[in-house]
Protein backbone atom coordinates (compact mmCIF):
# COMPACT_ATOMS: atom_id res chain seq x y z
CA UNK A 1 -0.85 -64.44 18.34
CA UNK A 2 -2.29 -63.86 14.98
CA UNK A 3 -3.25 -60.68 13.40
CA UNK A 4 -6.98 -59.62 13.48
CA UNK A 5 -6.60 -56.76 10.98
CA UNK A 6 -10.07 -55.23 10.22
CA UNK A 7 -13.79 -55.44 9.23
CA UNK A 8 -13.51 -56.74 5.84
CA UNK A 9 -17.09 -56.65 5.41
CA UNK A 10 -20.53 -56.89 6.93
CA UNK A 11 -23.22 -59.22 5.76
CA UNK A 12 -26.95 -58.06 5.30
CA UNK A 13 -29.81 -60.69 4.90
CA UNK A 14 -32.69 -59.74 2.65
CA UNK A 15 -35.59 -61.24 1.17
CA UNK A 16 -35.47 -58.70 -1.95
CA UNK A 17 -32.12 -57.73 -3.32
CA UNK A 18 -33.29 -55.24 -5.72
CA UNK A 19 -34.94 -53.58 -3.15
CA UNK A 20 -32.65 -53.49 -0.62
CA UNK A 21 -29.56 -52.19 -3.12
CA UNK A 22 -32.34 -49.28 -4.07
CA UNK A 23 -32.74 -48.41 -0.52
CA UNK A 24 -28.93 -48.66 0.28
CA UNK A 25 -28.46 -46.21 -2.63
CA UNK A 26 -31.10 -44.08 -2.25
CA UNK A 27 -30.57 -43.39 1.40
CA UNK A 28 -26.60 -43.65 1.88
CA UNK A 29 -25.38 -43.35 -1.71
CA UNK A 30 -23.59 -46.80 -1.56
CA UNK A 31 -23.94 -48.03 -5.22
CA UNK A 32 -23.73 -51.84 -5.91
CA UNK A 33 -20.23 -52.67 -7.12
CA UNK A 34 -20.63 -56.39 -7.97
CA UNK A 35 -23.32 -58.93 -7.81
CA UNK A 36 -23.00 -62.69 -7.82
CA UNK A 37 -25.54 -65.10 -8.57
CA UNK A 38 -25.05 -68.59 -6.30
CA UNK A 39 -21.30 -68.08 -5.58
CA UNK A 40 -19.73 -71.41 -5.62
CA UNK A 41 -23.28 -73.03 -6.31
CA UNK A 42 -24.25 -71.66 -3.13
CA UNK A 43 -28.18 -71.17 -2.32
CA UNK A 44 -27.90 -67.57 -2.26
CA UNK A 45 -27.11 -64.52 -4.46
CA UNK A 46 -24.68 -61.52 -3.39
CA UNK A 47 -24.12 -57.86 -3.99
CA UNK A 48 -21.12 -56.27 -2.91
CA UNK A 49 -21.33 -52.34 -1.84
CA UNK A 50 -18.20 -51.03 -1.25
CA UNK A 51 -17.85 -48.46 2.01
CA UNK A 52 -14.49 -46.94 2.48
CA UNK A 53 -11.73 -50.05 2.37
CA UNK A 54 -14.45 -52.43 3.54
CA UNK A 55 -17.97 -53.33 1.93
CA UNK A 56 -21.50 -54.19 2.73
CA UNK A 57 -22.24 -57.49 1.07
CA UNK A 58 -26.32 -57.96 0.58
CA UNK A 59 -27.46 -61.62 0.62
CA UNK A 60 -30.45 -63.12 -0.42
CA UNK A 61 -31.55 -67.15 -0.45
CA UNK A 62 -32.60 -68.11 -3.51
CA UNK A 63 -33.57 -71.49 -2.77
CA UNK A 64 -34.42 -73.58 0.70
CA UNK A 65 -31.23 -74.38 2.94
CA UNK A 66 -29.63 -72.77 5.57
CA UNK A 67 -29.47 -69.06 4.69
CA UNK A 68 -33.47 -69.29 4.22
CA UNK A 69 -33.81 -71.14 7.48
CA UNK A 70 -31.84 -68.30 9.20
CA UNK A 71 -33.64 -65.53 7.39
CA UNK A 72 -37.13 -66.81 8.48
CA UNK A 73 -35.58 -67.28 12.20
CA UNK A 74 -34.05 -63.94 12.42
CA UNK A 75 -35.72 -61.62 9.70
CA UNK A 76 -33.72 -59.37 7.57
CA UNK A 77 -30.85 -57.28 8.73
CA UNK A 78 -27.45 -58.12 10.16
CA UNK A 79 -26.29 -61.56 9.26
CA UNK A 80 -22.59 -61.76 9.88
CA UNK A 81 -19.55 -59.62 10.52
CA UNK A 82 -16.58 -60.55 8.39
CA UNK A 83 -12.93 -60.13 9.88
CA UNK A 84 -10.07 -60.10 7.88
CA UNK A 85 -6.99 -62.23 9.18
CA UNK A 86 -3.46 -62.36 7.85
CA UNK A 87 -2.99 -66.28 8.40
CA UNK A 88 -6.43 -67.89 8.75
CA UNK A 89 -4.86 -71.35 9.87
CA UNK A 90 -3.09 -69.71 12.48
CA UNK A 91 -6.34 -67.61 13.55
CA UNK A 92 -8.63 -70.75 13.49
CA UNK A 93 -5.86 -72.67 15.65
CA UNK A 94 -5.32 -69.75 17.98
CA UNK A 95 -9.23 -69.64 18.61
CA UNK A 96 -9.43 -73.12 19.11
CA UNK A 97 -6.62 -72.98 21.71
CA UNK A 98 -9.02 -70.57 23.57
CA UNK A 99 -12.13 -72.92 23.27
CA UNK A 100 -13.72 -71.31 20.47
CA UNK A 101 -15.92 -73.55 18.21
CA UNK A 102 -14.31 -72.71 14.87
CA UNK A 103 -15.04 -74.42 11.42
CA UNK A 104 -12.50 -75.51 8.85
CA UNK A 105 -11.07 -73.36 6.47
CA UNK A 106 -12.61 -73.38 3.12
CA UNK A 107 -12.68 -71.17 -0.05
CA UNK A 108 -14.47 -67.99 0.15
CA UNK A 109 -16.95 -66.80 -2.40
CA UNK A 110 -14.79 -63.64 -3.41
CA UNK A 111 -11.73 -64.38 -5.45
CA UNK A 112 -8.56 -65.39 -3.66
CA UNK A 113 -10.27 -65.44 -0.14
CA UNK A 114 -10.45 -68.28 2.50
CA UNK A 115 -12.93 -68.29 5.07
CA UNK A 116 -13.68 -70.19 8.52
CA UNK A 117 -16.81 -69.39 10.41
CA UNK A 118 -16.78 -69.03 14.44
CA UNK A 119 -19.65 -70.20 16.06
CA UNK A 120 -22.37 -67.84 17.66
CA UNK A 121 -22.04 -70.07 20.77
CA UNK A 122 -18.31 -68.59 20.99
CA UNK A 123 -19.04 -65.11 20.31
CA UNK A 124 -22.28 -64.13 22.44
CA UNK A 125 -24.68 -64.73 19.47
CA UNK A 126 -22.80 -62.88 16.94
CA UNK A 127 -22.21 -64.57 13.60
CA UNK A 128 -18.20 -64.32 12.84
CA UNK A 129 -16.40 -64.94 9.52
CA UNK A 130 -12.68 -65.27 9.59
CA UNK A 131 -11.31 -64.15 5.98
CA UNK A 132 -7.79 -64.73 4.42
CA UNK A 133 -7.42 -62.67 1.21
CA UNK A 134 -4.48 -63.64 -1.00
């Protein structure tokens, strides 16, 4: 059985990155450590706010696409939870063996990471991303 280590980060969708970052700082004292515009040519910008050994990732769509559609459907707020695993390939195989719908592994937006997504249908509506860090 693979090791599901910890919550790595939580993704919060926003329509206004600057406003969201200002509110997180003003209300909780969490400051943006890093911003990335269109990582891996994606249709969104992200900002990373450290919290202990994890972080909050603010995500703002910047062009039409999957993230824009999900933001329209679900509104601002919790977008997904990212769980760190020791071995992504093992975790994907394990979950598929249990009947979960899991994407193939691919490069993550953060350096040295690989990710796979677990279908919301397999998690009672929660968007889960598995992440391996090297």
